C-alpha atoms as a PDB file:
ATOM      1  CA  UNK A   1      86.368  90.324 102.084  1.00  0.00           C
ATOM      2  CA  UNK A   2      88.941  87.550 101.452  1.00  0.00           C
ATOM      3  CA  UNK A   3      92.258  87.886  99.657  1.00  0.00           C
ATOM      4  CA  UNK A   4      91.049  85.668  96.788  1.00  0.00           C
ATOM      5  CA  UNK A   5      87.746  84.554  95.306  1.00  0.00           C
ATOM      6  CA  UNK A   6      87.663  81.141  93.654  1.00  0.00           C
ATOM      7  CA  UNK A   7      86.471  81.300  90.037  1.00  0.00           C
ATOM      8  CA  UNK A   8      87.011  77.630  89.102  1.00  0.00           C
ATOM      9  CA  UNK A   9      88.721  74.500  90.398  1.00  0.00           C
ATOM     10  CA  UNK A  10      92.100  75.953  89.422  1.00  0.00           C
ATOM     11  CA  UNK A  11      91.600  79.735  89.127  1.00  0.00           C
ATOM     12  CA  UNK A  12      91.298  82.583  91.610  1.00  0.00           C
ATOM     13  CA  UNK A  13      90.575  86.308  91.417  1.00  0.00           C
ATOM     14  CA  UNK A  14      92.486  88.662  93.769  1.00  0.00           C
ATOM     15  CA  UNK A  15      90.487  91.215  95.717  1.00  0.00           C
ATOM     16  CA  UNK A  16      91.608  94.742  96.595  1.00  0.00           C
ATOM     17  CA  UNK A  17      93.369  93.332  99.678  1.00  0.00           C
ATOM     18  CA  UNK A  18      96.058  91.799  97.432  1.00  0.00           C
ATOM     19  CA  UNK A  19      97.400  94.963  95.777  1.00  0.00           C
ATOM     20  CA  UNK A  20     101.122  95.434  96.318  1.00  0.00           C
ATOM     21  CA  UNK A  21     103.441  97.843  98.074  1.00  0.00           C
ATOM     22  CA  UNK A  22     105.923  98.378  95.248  1.00  0.00           C
ATOM     23  CA  UNK A  23     103.151  98.788  92.643  1.00  0.00           C
ATOM     24  CA  UNK A  24      99.463  98.842  93.591  1.00  0.00           C
ATOM     25  CA  UNK A  25      98.521  97.571  90.101  1.00  0.00           C
ATOM     26  CA  UNK A  26     100.359  94.329  90.900  1.00  0.00           C
ATOM     27  CA  UNK A  27      99.701  91.634  93.463  1.00  0.00           C
ATOM     28  CA  UNK A  28     101.607  91.646  96.723  1.00  0.00           C
ATOM     29  CA  UNK A  29     103.257  88.251  96.714  1.00  0.00           C
ATOM     30  CA  UNK A  30     102.248  87.344 100.299  1.00  0.00           C
ATOM     31  CA  UNK A  31      98.622  86.284  99.615  1.00  0.00           C
ATOM     32  CA  UNK A  32      99.624  84.238  96.524  1.00  0.00           C
ATOM     33  CA  UNK A  33     102.142  82.420  98.720  1.00  0.00           C
ATOM     34  CA  UNK A  34      99.315  81.497 101.054  1.00  0.00           C
ATOM     35  CA  UNK A  35      97.226  80.402  98.071  1.00  0.00           C
ATOM     36  CA  UNK A  36      99.902  77.992  96.821  1.00  0.00           C
ATOM     37  CA  UNK A  37     100.306  76.489 100.301  1.00  0.00           C
ATOM     38  CA  UNK A  38      96.541  76.006 100.368  1.00  0.00           C
ATOM     39  CA  UNK A  39      96.385  74.183  97.026  1.00  0.00           C
ATOM     40  CA  UNK A  40      99.261  71.922  98.123  1.00  0.00           C
ATOM     41  CA  UNK A  41      97.255  71.023 101.233  1.00  0.00           C
ATOM     42  CA  UNK A  42      94.136  70.451  99.137  1.00  0.00           C
ATOM     43  CA  UNK A  43      96.030  68.207  96.717  1.00  0.00           C
ATOM     44  CA  UNK A  44      97.464  66.230  99.646  1.00  0.00           C
ATOM     45  CA  UNK A  45      94.030  65.723 101.188  1.00  0.00           C
ATOM     46  CA  UNK A  46      92.573  64.594  97.848  1.00  0.00           C
ATOM     47  CA  UNK A  47      95.311  61.987  97.377  1.00  0.00           C
ATOM     48  CA  UNK A  48      95.830  60.639 100.882  1.00  0.00           C
ATOM     49  CA  UNK A  49      94.307  60.676 104.359  1.00  0.00           C
ATOM     50  CA  UNK A  50      97.312  60.766 106.683  1.00  0.00           C
ATOM     51  CA  UNK A  51      97.723  64.570 106.965  1.00  0.00           C
ATOM     52  CA  UNK A  52     101.416  64.977 106.140  1.00  0.00           C
ATOM     53  CA  UNK A  53     102.564  68.345 107.490  1.00  0.00           C
ATOM     54  CA  UNK A  54     104.152  71.107 105.425  1.00  0.00           C
ATOM     55  CA  UNK A  55     107.630  71.428 106.929  1.00  0.00           C
ATOM     56  CA  UNK A  56     109.412  73.544 104.329  1.00  0.00           C
ATOM     57  CA  UNK A  57     107.978  76.106 101.941  1.00  0.00           C
ATOM     58  CA  UNK A  58     110.448  77.298  99.299  1.00  0.00           C
ATOM     59  CA  UNK A  59     109.057  79.987  97.005  1.00  0.00           C
ATOM     60  CA  UNK A  60     110.675  81.527  93.924  1.00  0.00           C
ATOM     61  CA  UNK A  61     109.237  84.775  92.587  1.00  0.00           C
ATOM     62  CA  UNK A  62     109.632  84.585  88.806  1.00  0.00           C
ATOM     63  CA  UNK A  63     107.831  87.803  87.886  1.00  0.00           C
ATOM     64  CA  UNK A  64     105.132  90.252  88.809  1.00  0.00           C
ATOM     65  CA  UNK A  65     101.443  89.351  88.786  1.00  0.00           C
ATOM     66  CA  UNK A  66      98.737  91.823  87.727  1.00  0.00           C
ATOM     67  CA  UNK A  67      95.554  92.270  89.729  1.00  0.00           C
ATOM     68  CA  UNK A  68      93.787  89.704  87.590  1.00  0.00           C
ATOM     69  CA  UNK A  69      92.669  86.065  87.681  1.00  0.00           C
ATOM     70  CA  UNK A  70      95.498  83.572  88.216  1.00  0.00           C
ATOM     71  CA  UNK A  71      95.742  79.826  87.594  1.00  0.00           C
ATOM     72  CA  UNK A  72      97.290  77.186  89.864  1.00  0.00           C
ATOM     73  CA  UNK A  73      98.759  73.746  89.158  1.00  0.00           C
ATOM     74  CA  UNK A  74     100.170  71.120  91.530  1.00  0.00           C
ATOM     75  CA  UNK A  75     102.585  68.250  90.824  1.00  0.00           C
ATOM     76  CA  UNK A  76     104.056  65.604  93.116  1.00  0.00           C
ATOM     77  CA  UNK A  77     107.814  65.644  92.422  1.00  0.00           C
ATOM     78  CA  UNK A  78     108.877  62.984  94.890  1.00  0.00           C
ATOM     79  CA  UNK A  79     106.072  60.734  96.170  1.00  0.00           C
ATOM     80  CA  UNK A  80     106.557  58.742  99.344  1.00  0.00           C
ATOM     81  CA  UNK A  81     104.844  57.023 102.234  1.00  0.00           C
ATOM     82  CA  UNK A  82     106.295  59.330 104.934  1.00  0.00           C
ATOM     83  CA  UNK A  83     107.940  62.168 102.958  1.00  0.00           C
ATOM     84  CA  UNK A  84     106.831  63.961  99.802  1.00  0.00           C
ATOM     85  CA  UNK A  85     108.115  66.829  97.687  1.00  0.00           C
ATOM     86  CA  UNK A  86     105.309  68.731  95.960  1.00  0.00           C
ATOM     87  CA  UNK A  87     105.548  71.634  93.531  1.00  0.00           C
ATOM     88  CA  UNK A  88     102.812  74.224  92.979  1.00  0.00           C
ATOM     89  CA  UNK A  89     102.816  76.937  90.317  1.00  0.00           C
ATOM     90  CA  UNK A  90     100.802  80.126  89.998  1.00  0.00           C
ATOM     91  CA  UNK A  91     100.472  81.717  86.566  1.00  0.00           C
ATOM     92  CA  UNK A  92      98.758  84.498  84.676  1.00  0.00           C
ATOM     93  CA  UNK A  93      98.136  84.336  80.935  1.00  0.00           C
ATOM     94  CA  UNK A  94     100.253  81.202  80.648  1.00  0.00           C
ATOM     95  CA  UNK A  95     103.284  82.799  82.360  1.00  0.00           C
ATOM     96  CA  UNK A  96     104.370  81.376  85.725  1.00  0.00           C
ATOM     97  CA  UNK A  97     104.933  84.124  88.278  1.00  0.00           C
ATOM     98  CA  UNK A  98     105.397  82.147  91.504  1.00  0.00           C
ATOM     99  CA  UNK A  99     106.458  78.608  92.342  1.00  0.00           C
ATOM    100  CA  UNK A 100     106.432  76.676  95.602  1.00  0.00           C
ATOM    101  CA  UNK A 101     108.365  73.523  96.417  1.00  0.00           C
ATOM    102  CA  UNK A 102     107.082  72.071  99.671  1.00  0.00           C
ATOM    103  CA  UNK A 103     108.491  69.187 101.693  1.00  0.00           C
ATOM    104  CA  UNK A 104     105.748  67.279 103.500  1.00  0.00           C
ATOM    105  CA  UNK A 105     106.609  65.014 106.440  1.00  0.00           C
ATOM    106  CA  UNK A 106     104.652  62.409 108.360  1.00  0.00           C
ATOM    107  CA  UNK A 107     103.548  63.156 111.909  1.00  0.00           C
ATOM    108  CA  UNK A 108     104.779  61.218 114.936  1.00  0.00           C
ATOM    109  CA  UNK A 109     104.742  61.947 118.663  1.00  0.00           C
ATOM    110  CA  UNK A 110     107.906  63.784 119.791  1.00  0.00           C
ATOM    111  CA  UNK A 111     106.284  65.636 122.706  1.00  0.00           C
ATOM    112  CA  UNK A 112     108.766  64.223 125.207  1.00  0.00           C
ATOM    113  CA  UNK A 113     111.752  65.777 123.423  1.00  0.00           C
ATOM    114  CA  UNK A 114     110.123  68.961 122.034  1.00  0.00           C
ATOM    115  CA  UNK A 115     111.791  72.333 122.655  1.00  0.00           C
ATOM    116  CA  UNK A 116     113.623  75.237 121.028  1.00  0.00           C
ATOM    117  CA  UNK A 117     116.476  77.606 121.896  1.00  0.00           C
ATOM    118  CA  UNK A 118     115.113  80.306 119.563  1.00  0.00           C
ATOM    119  CA  UNK A 119     114.569  83.425 121.661  1.00  0.00           C
ATOM    120  CA  UNK A 120     110.993  84.492 122.428  1.00  0.00           C
ATOM    121  CA  UNK A 121     109.676  87.966 121.646  1.00  0.00           C
ATOM    122  CA  UNK A 122     107.424  90.157 123.828  1.00  0.00           C
ATOM    123  CA  UNK A 123     103.707  89.428 123.646  1.00  0.00           C
ATOM    124  CA  UNK A 124     101.656  91.533 121.247  1.00  0.00           C
ATOM    125  CA  UNK A 125      99.995  93.303 124.179  1.00  0.00           C
ATOM    126  CA  UNK A 126     103.416  94.539 125.303  1.00  0.00           C
ATOM    127  CA  UNK A 127     104.138  96.263 121.973  1.00  0.00           C
ATOM    128  CA  UNK A 128     102.686  99.577 120.783  1.00  0.00           C
ATOM    129  CA  UNK A 129     100.388  99.736 117.766  1.00  0.00           C
ATOM    130  CA  UNK A 130     102.180 100.640 114.552  1.00  0.00           C
ATOM    131  CA  UNK A 131     100.625 101.607 111.222  1.00  0.00           C
ATOM    132  CA  UNK A 132     102.634 100.122 108.309  1.00  0.00           C
ATOM    133  CA  UNK A 133     100.621 102.194 105.808  1.00  0.00           C
ATOM    134  CA  UNK A 134     102.762 105.152 106.907  1.00  0.00           C
ATOM    135  CA  UNK A 135     105.564 103.449 104.949  1.00  0.00           C
ATOM    136  CA  UNK A 136     103.843 101.217 102.381  1.00  0.00           C
ATOM    137  CA  UNK A 137     100.874 101.724 100.021  1.00  0.00           C
ATOM    138  CA  UNK A 138      98.612  98.980  98.705  1.00  0.00           C
ATOM    139  CA  UNK A 139      95.654  96.914  99.783  1.00  0.00           C
ATOM    140  CA  UNK A 140      97.649  94.076 101.333  1.00  0.00           C
ATOM    141  CA  UNK A 141      99.474  96.267 103.834  1.00  0.00           C
ATOM    142  CA  UNK A 142      96.209  98.108 104.577  1.00  0.00           C
ATOM    143  CA  UNK A 143      94.540  94.762 105.354  1.00  0.00           C
ATOM    144  CA  UNK A 144      96.974  93.987 108.176  1.00  0.00           C
ATOM    145  CA  UNK A 145      97.301  95.177 111.763  1.00  0.00           C
ATOM    146  CA  UNK A 146     100.691  95.521 113.393  1.00  0.00           C
ATOM    147  CA  UNK A 147     102.306  95.989 116.790  1.00  0.00           C
ATOM    148  CA  UNK A 148     106.040  96.659 116.697  1.00  0.00           C
ATOM    149  CA  UNK A 149     109.152  97.241 118.748  1.00  0.00           C
ATOM    150  CA  UNK A 150     111.845  98.704 116.478  1.00  0.00           C
ATOM    151  CA  UNK A 151     115.159  98.057 118.169  1.00  0.00           C
ATOM    152  CA  UNK A 152     117.268  99.672 115.430  1.00  0.00           C
ATOM    153  CA  UNK A 153     117.032 100.206 111.674  1.00  0.00           C
ATOM    154  CA  UNK A 154     116.875  96.701 110.244  1.00  0.00           C
ATOM    155  CA  UNK A 155     116.277  95.063 113.626  1.00  0.00           C
ATOM    156  CA  UNK A 156     112.791  94.701 115.060  1.00  0.00           C
ATOM    157  CA  UNK A 157     110.135  92.482 116.576  1.00  0.00           C
ATOM    158  CA  UNK A 158     106.476  92.764 115.638  1.00  0.00           C
ATOM    159  CA  UNK A 159     103.139  90.979 115.532  1.00  0.00           C
ATOM    160  CA  UNK A 160     100.920  90.880 112.438  1.00  0.00           C
ATOM    161  CA  UNK A 161      97.354  89.764 111.937  1.00  0.00           C
ATOM    162  CA  UNK A 162      94.644  90.292 109.351  1.00  0.00           C
ATOM    163  CA  UNK A 163      90.874  90.051 109.430  1.00  0.00           C
ATOM    164  CA  UNK A 164      90.887  89.029 105.751  1.00  0.00           C
ATOM    165  CA  UNK A 165      90.731  85.250 105.229  1.00  0.00           C
ATOM    166  CA  UNK A 166      92.651  83.697 102.386  1.00  0.00           C
ATOM    167  CA  UNK A 167      89.369  82.455 100.844  1.00  0.00           C
ATOM    168  CA  UNK A 168      85.696  82.517 101.744  1.00  0.00           C
ATOM    169  CA  UNK A 169      83.563  79.401 102.100  1.00  0.00           C
ATOM    170  CA  UNK A 170      86.312  76.776 102.286  1.00  0.00           C
ATOM    171  CA  UNK A 171      88.553  75.647 105.150  1.00  0.00           C
ATOM    172  CA  UNK A 172      92.180  76.782 105.093  1.00  0.00           C
ATOM    173  CA  UNK A 173      94.852  74.985 107.120  1.00  0.00           C
ATOM    174  CA  UNK A 174      97.087  76.697 109.674  1.00  0.00           C
ATOM    175  CA  UNK A 175     100.185  76.687 107.469  1.00  0.00           C
ATOM    176  CA  UNK A 176      98.426  78.278 104.494  1.00  0.00           C
ATOM    177  CA  UNK A 177      96.795  80.789 106.843  1.00  0.00           C
ATOM    178  CA  UNK A 178     100.222  81.768 108.158  1.00  0.00           C
ATOM    179  CA  UNK A 179     101.840  81.718 104.713  1.00  0.00           C
ATOM    180  CA  UNK A 180      99.517  84.482 103.500  1.00  0.00           C
ATOM    181  CA  UNK A 181     101.398  86.878 105.827  1.00  0.00           C
ATOM    182  CA  UNK A 182     105.003  85.622 105.732  1.00  0.00           C
ATOM    183  CA  UNK A 183     106.269  87.904 102.967  1.00  0.00           C
ATOM    184  CA  UNK A 184     105.394  91.014 104.964  1.00  0.00           C
ATOM    185  CA  UNK A 185     108.707  90.555 106.817  1.00  0.00           C
ATOM    186  CA  UNK A 186     110.758  92.176 104.058  1.00  0.00           C
ATOM    187  CA  UNK A 187     109.431  95.660 104.770  1.00  0.00           C
ATOM    188  CA  UNK A 188     108.708  95.865 108.482  1.00  0.00           C
ATOM    189  CA  UNK A 189     112.006  96.831 110.128  1.00  0.00           C
ATOM    190  CA  UNK A 190     112.898 100.037 108.334  1.00  0.00           C
ATOM    191  CA  UNK A 191     116.596  99.606 107.524  1.00  0.00           C
ATOM    192  CA  UNK A 192     116.097 101.102 104.071  1.00  0.00           C
ATOM    193  CA  UNK A 193     113.606 103.753 102.943  1.00  0.00           C
ATOM    194  CA  UNK A 194     111.561 102.359 100.000  1.00  0.00           C
ATOM    195  CA  UNK A 195     111.285 105.907  98.599  1.00  0.00           C
ATOM    196  CA  UNK A 196     115.069 105.943  98.201  1.00  0.00           C
ATOM    197  CA  UNK A 197     115.969 102.281  97.645  1.00  0.00           C
ATOM    198  CA  UNK A 198     114.029  99.430  96.013  1.00  0.00           C
ATOM    199  CA  UNK A 199     114.673  96.112  97.762  1.00  0.00           C
ATOM    200  CA  UNK A 200     112.154  93.519  96.526  1.00  0.00           C
ATOM    201  CA  UNK A 201     112.835  89.938  97.514  1.00  0.00           C
ATOM    202  CA  UNK A 202     113.271  87.235  94.902  1.00  0.00           C
ATOM    203  CA  UNK A 203     112.365  84.290  97.084  1.00  0.00           C
ATOM    204  CA  UNK A 204     111.111  83.179 100.469  1.00  0.00           C
ATOM    205  CA  UNK A 205     111.978  79.987 102.305  1.00  0.00           C
ATOM    206  CA  UNK A 206     110.172  79.015 105.503  1.00  0.00           C
ATOM    207  CA  UNK A 207     111.211  76.094 107.696  1.00  0.00           C
ATOM    208  CA  UNK A 208     108.490  75.095 110.169  1.00  0.00           C
ATOM    209  CA  UNK A 209     109.235  72.682 113.009  1.00  0.00           C
ATOM    210  CA  UNK A 210     105.571  72.649 114.082  1.00  0.00           C
ATOM    211  CA  UNK A 211     102.249  73.931 112.810  1.00  0.00           C
ATOM    212  CA  UNK A 212     101.369  77.505 113.832  1.00  0.00           C
ATOM    213  CA  UNK A 213      98.530  78.182 116.261  1.00  0.00           C
ATOM    214  CA  UNK A 214      96.019  81.040 116.016  1.00  0.00           C
ATOM    215  CA  UNK A 215      95.647  83.977 113.651  1.00  0.00           C
ATOM    216  CA  UNK A 216      98.333  86.365 114.939  1.00  0.00           C
ATOM    217  CA  UNK A 217     101.954  85.833 113.948  1.00  0.00           C
ATOM    218  CA  UNK A 218     105.071  87.326 115.500  1.00  0.00           C
ATOM    219  CA  UNK A 219     108.379  88.080 113.785  1.00  0.00           C
ATOM    220  CA  UNK A 220     111.868  88.778 115.052  1.00  0.00           C
ATOM    221  CA  UNK A 221     113.515  90.209 111.944  1.00  0.00           C
ATOM    222  CA  UNK A 222     116.976  91.398 110.977  1.00  0.00           C
ATOM    223  CA  UNK A 223     117.941  92.914 107.623  1.00  0.00           C
ATOM    224  CA  UNK A 224     121.436  92.931 106.103  1.00  0.00           C
ATOM    225  CA  UNK A 225     122.597  94.751 102.966  1.00  0.00           C
ATOM    226  CA  UNK A 226     125.727  93.779 101.070  1.00  0.00           C
ATOM    227  CA  UNK A 227     128.138  95.921  99.056  1.00  0.00           C
ATOM    228  CA  UNK A 228     127.165  94.774  95.563  1.00  0.00           C
ATOM    229  CA  UNK A 229     123.385  94.944  95.259  1.00  0.00           C
ATOM    230  CA  UNK A 230     122.066  92.143  97.437  1.00  0.00           C
ATOM    231  CA  UNK A 231     120.411  91.974 100.830  1.00  0.00           C
ATOM    232  CA  UNK A 232     118.964  89.417 103.215  1.00  0.00           C
ATOM    233  CA  UNK A 233     115.915  89.512 105.465  1.00  0.00           C
ATOM    234  CA  UNK A 234     115.949  86.784 108.102  1.00  0.00           C
ATOM    235  CA  UNK A 235     113.197  86.192 110.656  1.00  0.00           C
ATOM    236  CA  UNK A 236     112.201  83.872 113.449  1.00  0.00           C
ATOM    237  CA  UNK A 237     108.427  83.422 113.375  1.00  0.00           C
ATOM    238  CA  UNK A 238     106.247  83.018 116.446  1.00  0.00           C
ATOM    239  CA  UNK A 239     102.705  82.332 117.576  1.00  0.00           C
ATOM    240  CA  UNK A 240     101.080  82.465 121.008  1.00  0.00           C
ATOM    241  CA  UNK A 241     103.016  79.344 122.042  1.00  0.00           C
ATOM    242  CA  UNK A 242     106.441  80.670 121.013  1.00  0.00           C
ATOM    243  CA  UNK A 243     108.730  80.241 117.995  1.00  0.00           C
ATOM    244  CA  UNK A 244     107.707  77.715 115.345  1.00  0.00           C
ATOM    245  CA  UNK A 245     110.095  78.346 112.456  1.00  0.00           C
ATOM    246  CA  UNK A 246     112.272  80.669 110.410  1.00  0.00           C
ATOM    247  CA  UNK A 247     111.915  82.677 107.204  1.00  0.00           C
ATOM    248  CA  UNK A 248     114.663  83.926 104.877  1.00  0.00           C
ATOM    249  CA  UNK A 249     114.330  86.247 101.861  1.00  0.00           C
ATOM    250  CA  UNK A 250     117.063  87.333  99.440  1.00  0.00           C
ATOM    251  CA  UNK A 251     116.747  90.882  98.094  1.00  0.00           C
ATOM    252  CA  UNK A 252     117.870  92.683  94.984  1.00  0.00           C
ATOM    253  CA  UNK A 253     118.890  96.128  96.299  1.00  0.00           C
ATOM    254  CA  UNK A 254     118.549  99.012  93.849  1.00  0.00           C
ATOM    255  CA  UNK A 255     119.136 102.645  94.935  1.00  0.00           C
ATOM    256  CA  UNK A 256     116.743 104.877  93.025  1.00  0.00           C
END
């Protein structure tokens, strides 16, 4: 079963795999993030044939989304021959709940100078299985499989994958496939107990210096909490070839 079923050219129905961790009657925001990346890629491919790559994904979470059909819209904010800025919006009942602003860049061969000083993490096979449903309810968390090394509260490395595709019966690019899992980072390192403290994130920004490879994604995540109600989750993201980008999420921190 996929995360979403297409109901029209611009509408999608969430399946049980999308239900959230803070409230199972609402959508976990991770699959909708993947959906907006997908419609940006589809819009790009319909307009042009040069395969600009999604290099930055900047999401703002404007409200909760019920487990009901949602609508998408895409707009080119800054057109260009080699660089574009595209905005996608996801709404329910006329109310926008999630936006994405994506920078798209042209591709050119930089193989000779490629490299990164971001630290690698152990391979998935070197980490023990970990069941995130022991901490979080909801269909999205239940749809994932995790291996984790928890170094300290708020500091951990882990690998995530899911057998659930974003959509059935249509191709999904590697960035959208990865984006459907990115938001899981906010709850995987255990610095705060969600039974005692609510810490939902308000945004997510991913910077990708290359396209991800494969279905399994690794995270090296650290969580910080401030003194006046805010927190930050910051991650380096990895695939089988090593690091390929970073993810940051700002939290509103609310002791229960």
